[in-house]
PDB file of N, CA and C in Angstrom:
ATOM      1  N   MET A   1      -7.451  20.437  25.340  1.00  0.00           N
ATOM      2  CA  MET A   1      -7.512  21.461  24.332  1.00  0.00           C
ATOM      3  C   MET A   1      -6.069  22.018  24.083  1.00  0.00           C
ATOM      4  N   ALA A   2      -5.301  22.159  25.193  1.00  0.00           N
ATOM      5  CA  ALA A   2      -3.946  22.679  25.002  1.00  0.00           C
ATOM      6  C   ALA A   2      -3.081  21.732  24.213  1.00  0.00           C
ATOM      7  N   ARG A   3      -3.257  20.466  24.387  1.00  0.00           N
ATOM      8  CA  ARG A   3      -2.486  19.516  23.605  1.00  0.00           C
ATOM      9  C   ARG A   3      -2.788  19.626  22.130  1.00  0.00           C
ATOM     10  N   LEU A   4      -4.047  19.862  21.853  1.00  0.00           N
ATOM     11  CA  LEU A   4      -4.446  20.010  20.451  1.00  0.00           C
ATOM     12  C   LEU A   4      -3.752  21.223  19.771  1.00  0.00           C
ATOM     13  N   ALA A   5      -3.462  22.210  20.556  1.00  0.00           N
ATOM     14  CA  ALA A   5      -2.778  23.409  20.031  1.00  0.00           C
ATOM     15  C   ALA A   5      -1.407  23.030  19.523  1.00  0.00           C
ATOM     16  N   LEU A   6      -0.696  22.262  20.272  1.00  0.00           N
ATOM     17  CA  LEU A   6       0.610  21.838  19.874  1.00  0.00           C
ATOM     18  C   LEU A   6       0.563  21.018  18.629  1.00  0.00           C
ATOM     19  N   LEU A   7      -0.446  20.181  18.581  1.00  0.00           N
ATOM     20  CA  LEU A   7      -0.611  19.328  17.416  1.00  0.00           C
ATOM     21  C   LEU A   7      -0.867  20.196  16.186  1.00  0.00           C
ATOM     22  N   ALA A   8      -1.543  21.291  16.422  1.00  0.00           N
ATOM     23  CA  ALA A   8      -1.801  22.208  15.306  1.00  0.00           C
ATOM     24  C   ALA A   8      -0.535  22.732  14.725  1.00  0.00           C
ATOM     25  N   VAL A   9       0.441  23.081  15.566  1.00  0.00           N
ATOM     26  CA  VAL A   9       1.726  23.589  15.090  1.00  0.00           C
ATOM     27  C   VAL A   9       2.424  22.530  14.244  1.00  0.00           C
ATOM     28  N   LEU A  10       2.348  21.282  14.678  1.00  0.00           N
ATOM     29  CA  LEU A  10       3.001  20.210  13.979  1.00  0.00           C
ATOM     30  C   LEU A  10       2.361  20.010  12.617  1.00  0.00           C
ATOM     31  N   ALA A  11       1.094  20.190  12.556  1.00  0.00           N
ATOM     32  CA  ALA A  11       0.411  19.968  11.320  1.00  0.00           C
ATOM     33  C   ALA A  11       0.829  20.956  10.257  1.00  0.00           C
ATOM     34  N   ILE A  12       1.206  22.127  10.693  1.00  0.00           N
ATOM     35  CA  ILE A  12       1.678  23.183   9.709  1.00  0.00           C
ATOM     36  C   ILE A  12       2.760  22.584   8.802  1.00  0.00           C
ATOM     37  N   VAL A  13       3.654  21.899   9.394  1.00  0.00           N
ATOM     38  CA  VAL A  13       4.726  21.292   8.596  1.00  0.00           C
ATOM     39  C   VAL A  13       4.268  20.273   7.600  1.00  0.00           C
ATOM     40  N   LEU A  14       3.192  19.621   7.937  1.00  0.00           N
ATOM     41  CA  LEU A  14       2.737  18.512   7.105  1.00  0.00           C
ATOM     42  C   LEU A  14       1.876  18.876   5.969  1.00  0.00           C
ATOM     43  N   VAL A  15       1.462  20.118   5.902  1.00  0.00           N
ATOM     44  CA  VAL A  15       0.541  20.506   4.848  1.00  0.00           C
ATOM     45  C   VAL A  15       1.288  20.659   3.548  1.00  0.00           C
ATOM     46  N   MET A  16       0.997  19.817   2.555  1.00  0.00           N
ATOM     47  CA  MET A  16       1.706  19.818   1.290  1.00  0.00           C
ATOM     48  C   MET A  16       0.805  19.690   0.024  1.00  0.00           C
ATOM     49  N   ALA A  17       1.251  19.166  -1.055  1.00  0.00           N
ATOM     50  CA  ALA A  17       0.841  19.055  -2.452  1.00  0.00           C
ATOM     51  C   ALA A  17      -0.668  18.895  -2.796  1.00  0.00           C
ATOM     52  N   ALA A  18      -0.995  18.416  -3.992  1.00  0.00           N
ATOM     53  CA  ALA A  18      -2.251  18.203  -4.745  1.00  0.00           C
ATOM     54  C   ALA A  18      -3.614  18.551  -4.152  1.00  0.00           C
ATOM     55  N   PRO A  19      -4.608  18.759  -5.031  1.00  0.00           N
ATOM     56  CA  PRO A  19      -5.946  19.177  -4.604  1.00  0.00           C
ATOM     57  C   PRO A  19      -6.749  18.117  -3.860  1.00  0.00           C
ATOM     58  N   ALA A  20      -7.518  18.503  -2.851  1.00  0.00           N
ATOM     59  CA  ALA A  20      -8.363  17.589  -2.096  1.00  0.00           C
ATOM     60  C   ALA A  20      -9.831  17.842  -2.419  1.00  0.00           C
ATOM     61  N   ALA A  21     -10.655  16.840  -2.227  1.00  0.00           N
ATOM     62  CA  ALA A  21     -12.079  16.950  -2.576  1.00  0.00           C
ATOM     63  C   ALA A  21     -12.820  17.747  -1.527  1.00  0.00           C
ATOM     64  N   GLU A  22     -12.496  17.679  -0.271  1.00  0.00           N
ATOM     65  CA  GLU A  22     -13.226  18.338   0.798  1.00  0.00           C
ATOM     66  C   GLU A  22     -12.198  19.214   1.587  1.00  0.00           C
ATOM     67  N   ALA A  23     -12.758  20.233   2.218  1.00  0.00           N
ATOM     68  CA  ALA A  23     -11.891  21.077   3.071  1.00  0.00           C
ATOM     69  C   ALA A  23     -11.558  20.309   4.372  1.00  0.00           C
ATOM     70  N   ILE A  24     -10.341  20.426   4.785  1.00  0.00           N
ATOM     71  CA  ILE A  24      -9.895  19.775   6.031  1.00  0.00           C
ATOM     72  C   ILE A  24     -10.357  20.606   7.245  1.00  0.00           C
ATOM     73  N   THR A  25     -10.695  20.003   8.273  1.00  0.00           N
ATOM     74  CA  THR A  25     -11.214  20.723   9.489  1.00  0.00           C
ATOM     75  C   THR A  25     -10.133  20.674  10.592  1.00  0.00           C
ATOM     76  N   CYS A  26     -10.235  21.601  11.514  1.00  0.00           N
ATOM     77  CA  CYS A  26      -9.288  21.656  12.647  1.00  0.00           C
ATOM     78  C   CYS A  26      -9.402  20.349  13.481  1.00  0.00           C
ATOM     79  N   GLY A  27     -10.638  19.831  13.565  1.00  0.00           N
ATOM     80  CA  GLY A  27     -10.820  18.572  14.291  1.00  0.00           C
ATOM     81  C   GLY A  27     -10.023  17.414  13.656  1.00  0.00           C
ATOM     82  N   GLN A  28      -9.985  17.351  12.343  1.00  0.00           N
ATOM     83  CA  GLN A  28      -9.234  16.365  11.646  1.00  0.00           C
ATOM     84  C   GLN A  28      -7.753  16.555  11.877  1.00  0.00           C
ATOM     85  N   VAL A  29      -7.270  17.792  11.772  1.00  0.00           N
ATOM     86  CA  VAL A  29      -5.878  18.104  11.960  1.00  0.00           C
ATOM     87  C   VAL A  29      -5.437  17.648  13.317  1.00  0.00           C
ATOM     88  N   THR A  30      -6.115  18.080  14.357  1.00  0.00           N
ATOM     89  CA  THR A  30      -5.706  17.694  15.731  1.00  0.00           C
ATOM     90  C   THR A  30      -5.833  16.202  15.956  1.00  0.00           C
ATOM     91  N   GLY A  31      -6.740  15.549  15.322  1.00  0.00           N
ATOM     92  CA  GLY A  31      -6.839  14.072  15.475  1.00  0.00           C
ATOM     93  C   GLY A  31      -5.668  13.385  14.885  1.00  0.00           C
ATOM     94  N   TYR A  32      -5.175  13.846  13.777  1.00  0.00           N
ATOM     95  CA  TYR A  32      -3.976  13.241  13.134  1.00  0.00           C
ATOM     96  C   TYR A  32      -2.725  13.429  14.016  1.00  0.00           C
ATOM     97  N   ILE A  33      -2.615  14.495  14.709  1.00  0.00           N
ATOM     98  CA  ILE A  33      -1.364  14.738  15.427  1.00  0.00           C
ATOM     99  C   ILE A  33      -1.471  14.622  16.950  1.00  0.00           C
ATOM    100  N   ALA A  34      -2.600  14.194  17.455  1.00  0.00           N
ATOM    101  CA  ALA A  34      -2.807  14.111  18.933  1.00  0.00           C
ATOM    102  C   ALA A  34      -1.748  13.188  19.607  1.00  0.00           C
ATOM    103  N   SER A  35      -1.381  12.125  18.987  1.00  0.00           N
ATOM    104  CA  SER A  35      -0.400  11.235  19.559  1.00  0.00           C
ATOM    105  C   SER A  35       0.999  11.771  19.600  1.00  0.00           C
ATOM    106  N   CYS A  36       1.241  12.934  19.047  1.00  0.00           N
ATOM    107  CA  CYS A  36       2.548  13.587  19.020  1.00  0.00           C
ATOM    108  C   CYS A  36       2.808  14.449  20.257  1.00  0.00           C
ATOM    109  N   MET A  37       1.782  14.675  21.037  1.00  0.00           N
ATOM    110  CA  MET A  37       1.895  15.612  22.182  1.00  0.00           C
ATOM    111  C   MET A  37       3.032  15.250  23.169  1.00  0.00           C
ATOM    112  N   PRO A  38       3.193  14.025  23.611  1.00  0.00           N
ATOM    113  CA  PRO A  38       4.315  13.769  24.528  1.00  0.00           C
ATOM    114  C   PRO A  38       5.622  14.226  23.978  1.00  0.00           C
ATOM    115  N   TYR A  39       5.912  13.963  22.761  1.00  0.00           N
ATOM    116  CA  TYR A  39       7.179  14.411  22.178  1.00  0.00           C
ATOM    117  C   TYR A  39       7.243  15.924  22.044  1.00  0.00           C
ATOM    118  N   ALA A  40       6.156  16.495  21.628  1.00  0.00           N
ATOM    119  CA  ALA A  40       6.095  18.001  21.420  1.00  0.00           C
ATOM    120  C   ALA A  40       6.266  18.754  22.740  1.00  0.00           C
ATOM    121  N   GLU A  41       5.842  18.102  23.836  1.00  0.00           N
ATOM    122  CA  GLU A  41       5.987  18.722  25.152  1.00  0.00           C
ATOM    123  C   GLU A  41       7.299  18.333  25.827  1.00  0.00           C
ATOM    124  N   GLY A  42       8.130  17.581  25.102  1.00  0.00           N
ATOM    125  CA  GLY A  42       9.416  17.157  25.690  1.00  0.00           C
ATOM    126  C   GLY A  42       9.333  16.088  26.712  1.00  0.00           C
ATOM    127  N   LYS A  43       8.241  15.382  26.782  1.00  0.00           N
ATOM    128  CA  LYS A  43       7.986  14.292  27.715  1.00  0.00           C
ATOM    129  C   LYS A  43       8.371  12.879  27.132  1.00  0.00           C
ATOM    130  N   ALA A  44       8.747  12.859  25.901  1.00  0.00           N
ATOM    131  CA  ALA A  44       9.168  11.621  25.244  1.00  0.00           C
ATOM    132  C   ALA A  44      10.409  11.923  24.439  1.00  0.00           C
ATOM    133  N   ALA A  45      11.303  10.948  24.362  1.00  0.00           N
ATOM    134  CA  ALA A  45      12.593  11.130  23.657  1.00  0.00           C
ATOM    135  C   ALA A  45      12.458  11.168  22.132  1.00  0.00           C
ATOM    136  N   ALA A  46      11.399  10.556  21.655  1.00  0.00           N
ATOM    137  CA  ALA A  46      11.160  10.491  20.208  1.00  0.00           C
ATOM    138  C   ALA A  46       9.657  10.365  19.923  1.00  0.00           C
ATOM    139  N   PRO A  47       9.248  10.799  18.731  1.00  0.00           N
ATOM    140  CA  PRO A  47       7.857  10.631  18.388  1.00  0.00           C
ATOM    141  C   PRO A  47       7.512   9.117  18.214  1.00  0.00           C
ATOM    142  N   THR A  48       6.288   8.748  18.558  1.00  0.00           N
ATOM    143  CA  THR A  48       5.838   7.359  18.421  1.00  0.00           C
ATOM    144  C   THR A  48       5.553   7.026  16.986  1.00  0.00           C
ATOM    145  N   GLY A  49       5.421   5.751  16.670  1.00  0.00           N
ATOM    146  CA  GLY A  49       5.013   5.335  15.339  1.00  0.00           C
ATOM    147  C   GLY A  49       3.659   5.894  14.975  1.00  0.00           C
ATOM    148  N   GLN A  50       2.758   5.901  16.010  1.00  0.00           N
ATOM    149  CA  GLN A  50       1.400   6.393  15.761  1.00  0.00           C
ATOM    150  C   GLN A  50       1.446   7.916  15.408  1.00  0.00           C
ATOM    151  N   CYS A  51       2.305   8.653  16.087  1.00  0.00           N
ATOM    152  CA  CYS A  51       2.497  10.047  15.794  1.00  0.00           C
ATOM    153  C   CYS A  51       2.948  10.209  14.357  1.00  0.00           C
ATOM    154  N   CYS A  52       3.955   9.496  13.947  1.00  0.00           N
ATOM    155  CA  CYS A  52       4.501   9.640  12.569  1.00  0.00           C
ATOM    156  C   CYS A  52       3.454   9.209  11.517  1.00  0.00           C
ATOM    157  N   THR A  53       2.671   8.167  11.845  1.00  0.00           N
ATOM    158  CA  THR A  53       1.595   7.786  10.947  1.00  0.00           C
ATOM    159  C   THR A  53       0.625   8.946  10.773  1.00  0.00           C
ATOM    160  N   GLY A  54       0.286   9.599  11.849  1.00  0.00           N
ATOM    161  CA  GLY A  54      -0.662  10.734  11.814  1.00  0.00           C
ATOM    162  C   GLY A  54      -0.071  11.837  10.984  1.00  0.00           C
ATOM    163  N   ILE A  55       1.170  12.100  11.162  1.00  0.00           N
ATOM    164  CA  ILE A  55       1.826  13.185  10.403  1.00  0.00           C
ATOM    165  C   ILE A  55       1.861  12.878   8.914  1.00  0.00           C
ATOM    166  N   LYS A  56       2.249  11.680   8.540  1.00  0.00           N
ATOM    167  CA  LYS A  56       2.269  11.296   7.178  1.00  0.00           C
ATOM    168  C   LYS A  56       0.856  11.323   6.535  1.00  0.00           C
ATOM    169  N   THR A  57      -0.131  10.861   7.298  1.00  0.00           N
ATOM    170  CA  THR A  57      -1.482  10.884   6.809  1.00  0.00           C
ATOM    171  C   THR A  57      -1.967  12.297   6.572  1.00  0.00           C
ATOM    172  N   LEU A  58      -1.699  13.175   7.529  1.00  0.00           N
ATOM    173  CA  LEU A  58      -2.095  14.562   7.415  1.00  0.00           C
ATOM    174  C   LEU A  58      -1.404  15.196   6.166  1.00  0.00           C
ATOM    175  N   ASN A  59      -0.156  14.883   5.973  1.00  0.00           N
ATOM    176  CA  ASN A  59       0.535  15.415   4.861  1.00  0.00           C
ATOM    177  C   ASN A  59      -0.108  14.974   3.534  1.00  0.00           C
ATOM    178  N   SER A  60      -0.566  13.740   3.522  1.00  0.00           N
ATOM    179  CA  SER A  60      -1.194  13.207   2.289  1.00  0.00           C
ATOM    180  C   SER A  60      -2.632  13.741   2.040  1.00  0.00           C
ATOM    181  N   VAL A  61      -3.330  14.052   3.107  1.00  0.00           N
ATOM    182  CA  VAL A  61      -4.725  14.491   2.955  1.00  0.00           C
ATOM    183  C   VAL A  61      -4.818  16.018   2.707  1.00  0.00           C
ATOM    184  N   ALA A  62      -3.900  16.774   3.207  1.00  0.00           N
ATOM    185  CA  ALA A  62      -3.907  18.209   3.055  1.00  0.00           C
ATOM    186  C   ALA A  62      -3.186  18.539   1.707  1.00  0.00           C
ATOM    187  N   ARG A  63      -3.868  18.352   0.641  1.00  0.00           N
ATOM    188  CA  ARG A  63      -3.264  18.395  -0.708  1.00  0.00           C
ATOM    189  C   ARG A  63      -3.368  19.778  -1.358  1.00  0.00           C
ATOM    190  N   SER A  64      -4.472  20.442  -1.143  1.00  0.00           N
ATOM    191  CA  SER A  64      -4.666  21.710  -1.838  1.00  0.00           C
ATOM    192  C   SER A  64      -4.065  22.856  -1.016  1.00  0.00           C
ATOM    193  N   THR A  65      -3.780  23.977  -1.661  1.00  0.00           N
ATOM    194  CA  THR A  65      -3.293  25.115  -0.939  1.00  0.00           C
ATOM    195  C   THR A  65      -4.228  25.570   0.126  1.00  0.00           C
ATOM    196  N   PRO A  66      -5.564  25.634  -0.108  1.00  0.00           N
ATOM    197  CA  PRO A  66      -6.467  25.996   0.976  1.00  0.00           C
ATOM    198  C   PRO A  66      -6.432  25.031   2.169  1.00  0.00           C
ATOM    199  N   ASP A  67      -6.298  23.734   1.883  1.00  0.00           N
ATOM    200  CA  ASP A  67      -6.204  22.724   2.963  1.00  0.00           C
ATOM    201  C   ASP A  67      -4.926  22.922   3.712  1.00  0.00           C
ATOM    202  N   ARG A  68      -3.823  23.173   3.088  1.00  0.00           N
ATOM    203  CA  ARG A  68      -2.537  23.366   3.724  1.00  0.00           C
ATOM    204  C   ARG A  68      -2.527  24.615   4.606  1.00  0.00           C
ATOM    205  N   GLN A  69      -3.169  25.675   4.067  1.00  0.00           N
ATOM    206  CA  GLN A  69      -3.231  26.939   4.814  1.00  0.00           C
ATOM    207  C   GLN A  69      -4.196  26.773   6.012  1.00  0.00           C
ATOM    208  N   ALA A  70      -5.290  26.076   5.854  1.00  0.00           N
ATOM    209  CA  ALA A  70      -6.196  25.819   6.942  1.00  0.00           C
ATOM    210  C   ALA A  70      -5.530  25.002   8.045  1.00  0.00           C
ATOM    211  N   THR A  71      -4.772  23.974   7.627  1.00  0.00           N
ATOM    212  CA  THR A  71      -4.024  23.167   8.563  1.00  0.00           C
ATOM    213  C   THR A  71      -3.039  24.026   9.329  1.00  0.00           C
ATOM    214  N   CYS A  72      -2.315  24.839   8.674  1.00  0.00           N
ATOM    215  CA  CYS A  72      -1.371  25.749   9.301  1.00  0.00           C
ATOM    216  C   CYS A  72      -2.070  26.619  10.352  1.00  0.00           C
ATOM    217  N   ASN A  73      -3.199  27.193   9.961  1.00  0.00           N
ATOM    218  CA  ASN A  73      -3.913  28.085  10.928  1.00  0.00           C
ATOM    219  C   ASN A  73      -4.451  27.290  12.111  1.00  0.00           C
ATOM    220  N   CYS A  74      -4.929  26.067  11.877  1.00  0.00           N
ATOM    221  CA  CYS A  74      -5.380  25.253  12.976  1.00  0.00           C
ATOM    222  C   CYS A  74      -4.262  24.962  13.986  1.00  0.00           C
ATOM    223  N   LEU A  75      -3.140  24.619  13.434  1.00  0.00           N
ATOM    224  CA  LEU A  75      -1.936  24.324  14.309  1.00  0.00           C
ATOM    225  C   LEU A  75      -1.497  25.522  15.041  1.00  0.00           C
ATOM    226  N   LYS A  76      -1.416  26.639  14.386  1.00  0.00           N
ATOM    227  CA  LYS A  76      -1.010  27.911  15.058  1.00  0.00           C
ATOM    228  C   LYS A  76      -1.930  28.253  16.204  1.00  0.00           C
ATOM    229  N   ASN A  77      -3.236  28.186  15.985  1.00  0.00           N
ATOM    230  CA  ASN A  77      -4.200  28.474  16.991  1.00  0.00           C
ATOM    231  C   ASN A  77      -4.105  27.522  18.212  1.00  0.00           C
ATOM    232  N   ALA A  78      -3.894  26.243  17.890  1.00  0.00           N
ATOM    233  CA  ALA A  78      -3.791  25.265  18.943  1.00  0.00           C
ATOM    234  C   ALA A  78      -2.487  25.534  19.757  1.00  0.00           C
ATOM    235  N   ALA A  79      -1.401  25.815  19.058  1.00  0.00           N
ATOM    236  CA  ALA A  79      -0.128  26.029  19.743  1.00  0.00           C
ATOM    237  C   ALA A  79      -0.161  27.211  20.710  1.00  0.00           C
ATOM    238  N   LYS A  80      -0.955  28.192  20.364  1.00  0.00           N
ATOM    239  CA  LYS A  80      -1.065  29.365  21.225  1.00  0.00           C
ATOM    240  C   LYS A  80      -1.713  29.001  22.576  1.00  0.00           C
ATOM    241  N   GLN A  81      -2.447  27.947  22.599  1.00  0.00           N
ATOM    242  CA  GLN A  81      -3.211  27.520  23.777  1.00  0.00           C
ATOM    243  C   GLN A  81      -2.402  26.532  24.622  1.00  0.00           C
ATOM    244  N   ILE A  82      -1.387  25.926  24.091  1.00  0.00           N
ATOM    245  CA  ILE A  82      -0.697  24.847  24.832  1.00  0.00           C
ATOM    246  C   ILE A  82       0.594  25.458  25.450  1.00  0.00           C
ATOM    247  N   LYS A  83       0.647  25.336  26.782  1.00  0.00           N
ATOM    248  CA  LYS A  83       1.830  25.819  27.469  1.00  0.00           C
ATOM    249  C   LYS A  83       2.862  24.690  27.546  1.00  0.00           C
ATOM    250  N   GLY A  84       4.115  25.031  27.538  1.00  0.00           N
ATOM    251  CA  GLY A  84       5.173  24.084  27.700  1.00  0.00           C
ATOM    252  C   GLY A  84       5.556  23.316  26.468  1.00  0.00           C
ATOM    253  N   LEU A  85       5.257  23.789  25.287  1.00  0.00           N
ATOM    254  CA  LEU A  85       5.701  23.140  24.096  1.00  0.00           C
ATOM    255  C   LEU A  85       7.177  23.320  23.852  1.00  0.00           C
ATOM    256  N   ASN A  86       7.861  22.303  23.389  1.00  0.00           N
ATOM    257  CA  ASN A  86       9.245  22.375  23.028  1.00  0.00           C
ATOM    258  C   ASN A  86       9.296  22.722  21.547  1.00  0.00           C
ATOM    259  N   GLY A  87       9.619  23.990  21.261  1.00  0.00           N
ATOM    260  CA  GLY A  87       9.632  24.466  19.874  1.00  0.00           C
ATOM    261  C   GLY A  87      10.540  23.683  18.974  1.00  0.00           C
ATOM    262  N   GLY A  88      11.676  23.285  19.485  1.00  0.00           N
ATOM    263  CA  GLY A  88      12.596  22.449  18.673  1.00  0.00           C
ATOM    264  C   GLY A  88      12.015  21.102  18.281  1.00  0.00           C
ATOM    265  N   ASN A  89      11.354  20.463  19.295  1.00  0.00           N
ATOM    266  CA  ASN A  89      10.726  19.189  19.019  1.00  0.00           C
ATOM    267  C   ASN A  89       9.629  19.356  17.998  1.00  0.00           C
ATOM    268  N   VAL A  90       8.816  20.371  18.185  1.00  0.00           N
ATOM    269  CA  VAL A  90       7.728  20.599  17.259  1.00  0.00           C
ATOM    270  C   VAL A  90       8.276  20.820  15.880  1.00  0.00           C
ATOM    271  N   ALA A  91       9.224  21.704  15.679  1.00  0.00           N
ATOM    272  CA  ALA A  91       9.760  21.993  14.346  1.00  0.00           C
ATOM    273  C   ALA A  91      10.445  20.780  13.743  1.00  0.00           C
ATOM    274  N   GLY A  92      10.995  19.912  14.534  1.00  0.00           N
ATOM    275  CA  GLY A  92      11.699  18.722  14.050  1.00  0.00           C
ATOM    276  C   GLY A  92      10.839  17.521  13.759  1.00  0.00           C
ATOM    277  N   LEU A  93       9.558  17.579  14.130  1.00  0.00           N
ATOM    278  CA  LEU A  93       8.695  16.400  13.929  1.00  0.00           C
ATOM    279  C   LEU A  93       8.647  15.898  12.552  1.00  0.00           C
ATOM    280  N   PRO A  94       8.410  16.723  11.564  1.00  0.00           N
ATOM    281  CA  PRO A  94       8.301  16.185  10.185  1.00  0.00           C
ATOM    282  C   PRO A  94       9.582  15.403   9.815  1.00  0.00           C
ATOM    283  N   GLY A  95      10.747  15.945  10.042  1.00  0.00           N
ATOM    284  CA  GLY A  95      11.983  15.250   9.698  1.00  0.00           C
ATOM    285  C   GLY A  95      12.122  13.921  10.496  1.00  0.00           C
ATOM    286  N   LYS A  96      11.773  13.977  11.772  1.00  0.00           N
ATOM    287  CA  LYS A  96      11.853  12.744  12.583  1.00  0.00           C
ATOM    288  C   LYS A  96      10.929  11.648  12.058  1.00  0.00           C
ATOM    289  N   CYS A  97       9.886  12.069  11.352  1.00  0.00           N
ATOM    290  CA  CYS A  97       8.898  11.099  10.805  1.00  0.00           C
ATOM    291  C   CYS A  97       9.147  10.830   9.333  1.00  0.00           C
ATOM    292  N   GLY A  98      10.163  11.370   8.771  1.00  0.00           N
ATOM    293  CA  GLY A  98      10.512  11.127   7.356  1.00  0.00           C
ATOM    294  C   GLY A  98       9.637  11.927   6.363  1.00  0.00           C
ATOM    295  N   VAL A  99       9.108  13.046   6.849  1.00  0.00           N
ATOM    296  CA  VAL A  99       8.275  13.948   5.976  1.00  0.00           C
ATOM    297  C   VAL A  99       9.096  15.186   5.684  1.00  0.00           C
ATOM    298  N   SER A 100       9.197  15.561   4.443  1.00  0.00           N
ATOM    299  CA  SER A 100       9.948  16.754   4.050  1.00  0.00           C
ATOM    300  C   SER A 100       8.978  17.845   3.686  1.00  0.00           C
ATOM    301  N   ILE A 101       9.079  19.015   4.338  1.00  0.00           N
ATOM    302  CA  ILE A 101       8.261  20.117   4.025  1.00  0.00           C
ATOM    303  C   ILE A 101       9.188  21.360   3.805  1.00  0.00           C
ATOM    304  N   PRO A 102       8.743  22.341   2.981  1.00  0.00           N
ATOM    305  CA  PRO A 102       9.591  23.487   2.658  1.00  0.00           C
ATOM    306  C   PRO A 102       9.487  24.678   3.642  1.00  0.00           C
ATOM    307  N   TYR A 103       9.100  24.435   4.843  1.00  0.00           N
ATOM    308  CA  TYR A 103       8.986  25.531   5.826  1.00  0.00           C
ATOM    309  C   TYR A 103       9.118  24.921   7.211  1.00  0.00           C
ATOM    310  N   VAL A 104       9.355  25.785   8.198  1.00  0.00           N
ATOM    311  CA  VAL A 104       9.515  25.341   9.594  1.00  0.00           C
ATOM    312  C   VAL A 104       8.185  25.446  10.317  1.00  0.00           C
ATOM    313  N   ILE A 105       7.875  24.458  11.097  1.00  0.00           N
ATOM    314  CA  ILE A 105       6.632  24.489  11.909  1.00  0.00           C
ATOM    315  C   ILE A 105       6.905  25.451  13.078  1.00  0.00           C
ATOM    316  N   SER A 106       6.112  26.490  13.160  1.00  0.00           N
ATOM    317  CA  SER A 106       6.269  27.506  14.214  1.00  0.00           C
ATOM    318  C   SER A 106       5.022  28.310  14.346  1.00  0.00           C
ATOM    319  N   ALA A 107       4.789  28.769  15.546  1.00  0.00           N
ATOM    320  CA  ALA A 107       3.601  29.679  15.854  1.00  0.00           C
ATOM    321  C   ALA A 107       3.738  30.962  15.039  1.00  0.00           C
ATOM    322  N   SER A 108       4.921  31.315  14.588  1.00  0.00           N
ATOM    323  CA  SER A 108       5.128  32.549  13.842  1.00  0.00           C
ATOM    324  C   SER A 108       5.073  32.368  12.316  1.00  0.00           C
ATOM    325  N   THR A 109       4.776  31.138  11.885  1.00  0.00           N
ATOM    326  CA  THR A 109       4.750  30.889  10.457  1.00  0.00           C
ATOM    327  C   THR A 109       3.628  31.653   9.814  1.00  0.00           C
ATOM    328  N   ASP A 110       3.869  32.337   8.676  1.00  0.00           N
ATOM    329  CA  ASP A 110       2.840  33.065   7.928  1.00  0.00           C
ATOM    330  C   ASP A 110       2.094  32.024   7.059  1.00  0.00           C
ATOM    331  N   CYS A 111       0.935  31.593   7.525  1.00  0.00           N
ATOM    332  CA  CYS A 111       0.165  30.601   6.801  1.00  0.00           C
ATOM    333  C   CYS A 111      -0.283  30.976   5.408  1.00  0.00           C
ATOM    334  N   THR A 112      -0.311  32.297   5.142  1.00  0.00           N
ATOM    335  CA  THR A 112      -0.753  32.760   3.845  1.00  0.00           C
ATOM    336  C   THR A 112       0.369  32.444   2.807  1.00  0.00           C
ATOM    337  N   ARG A 113       1.560  32.134   3.258  1.00  0.00           N
ATOM    338  CA  ARG A 113       2.652  31.828   2.339  1.00  0.00           C
ATOM    339  C   ARG A 113       2.800  30.318   2.084  1.00  0.00           C
ATOM    340  N   VAL A 114       2.039  29.537   2.813  1.00  0.00           N
ATOM    341  CA  VAL A 114       2.034  28.090   2.652  1.00  0.00           C
ATOM    342  C   VAL A 114       1.326  27.760   1.338  1.00  0.00           C
ATOM    343  N   LYS A 115       1.973  27.030   0.517  1.00  0.00           N
ATOM    344  CA  LYS A 115       1.375  26.674  -0.832  1.00  0.00           C
ATOM    345  C   LYS A 115       1.193  25.177  -1.015  1.00  0.00           C
TER     346      LYS A 115
END
């Protein structure tokens, strides 16, 4: 459960553009970023290919503003439960995976401002 929290923080960064047909769930968000935990906890030198695939997929499925805000909130709640997260690694994940987002992934991100 704690690892899922970190993943939630990472997902905040990935939440971007166009409308989606269904609302994204916290279970989906954490599933996309679960493989990023070793890097987020500072236990790996770089994110894995599977991690980056999850981040890119999450970014592409969280298309609407409500989905991006829901993703943000899921990540923030998960991050609050995970001890030992490396904030720099978490914030840098999108860039490491070639995903550009207009905000920093952080437990202090105001999800209502995510568009």
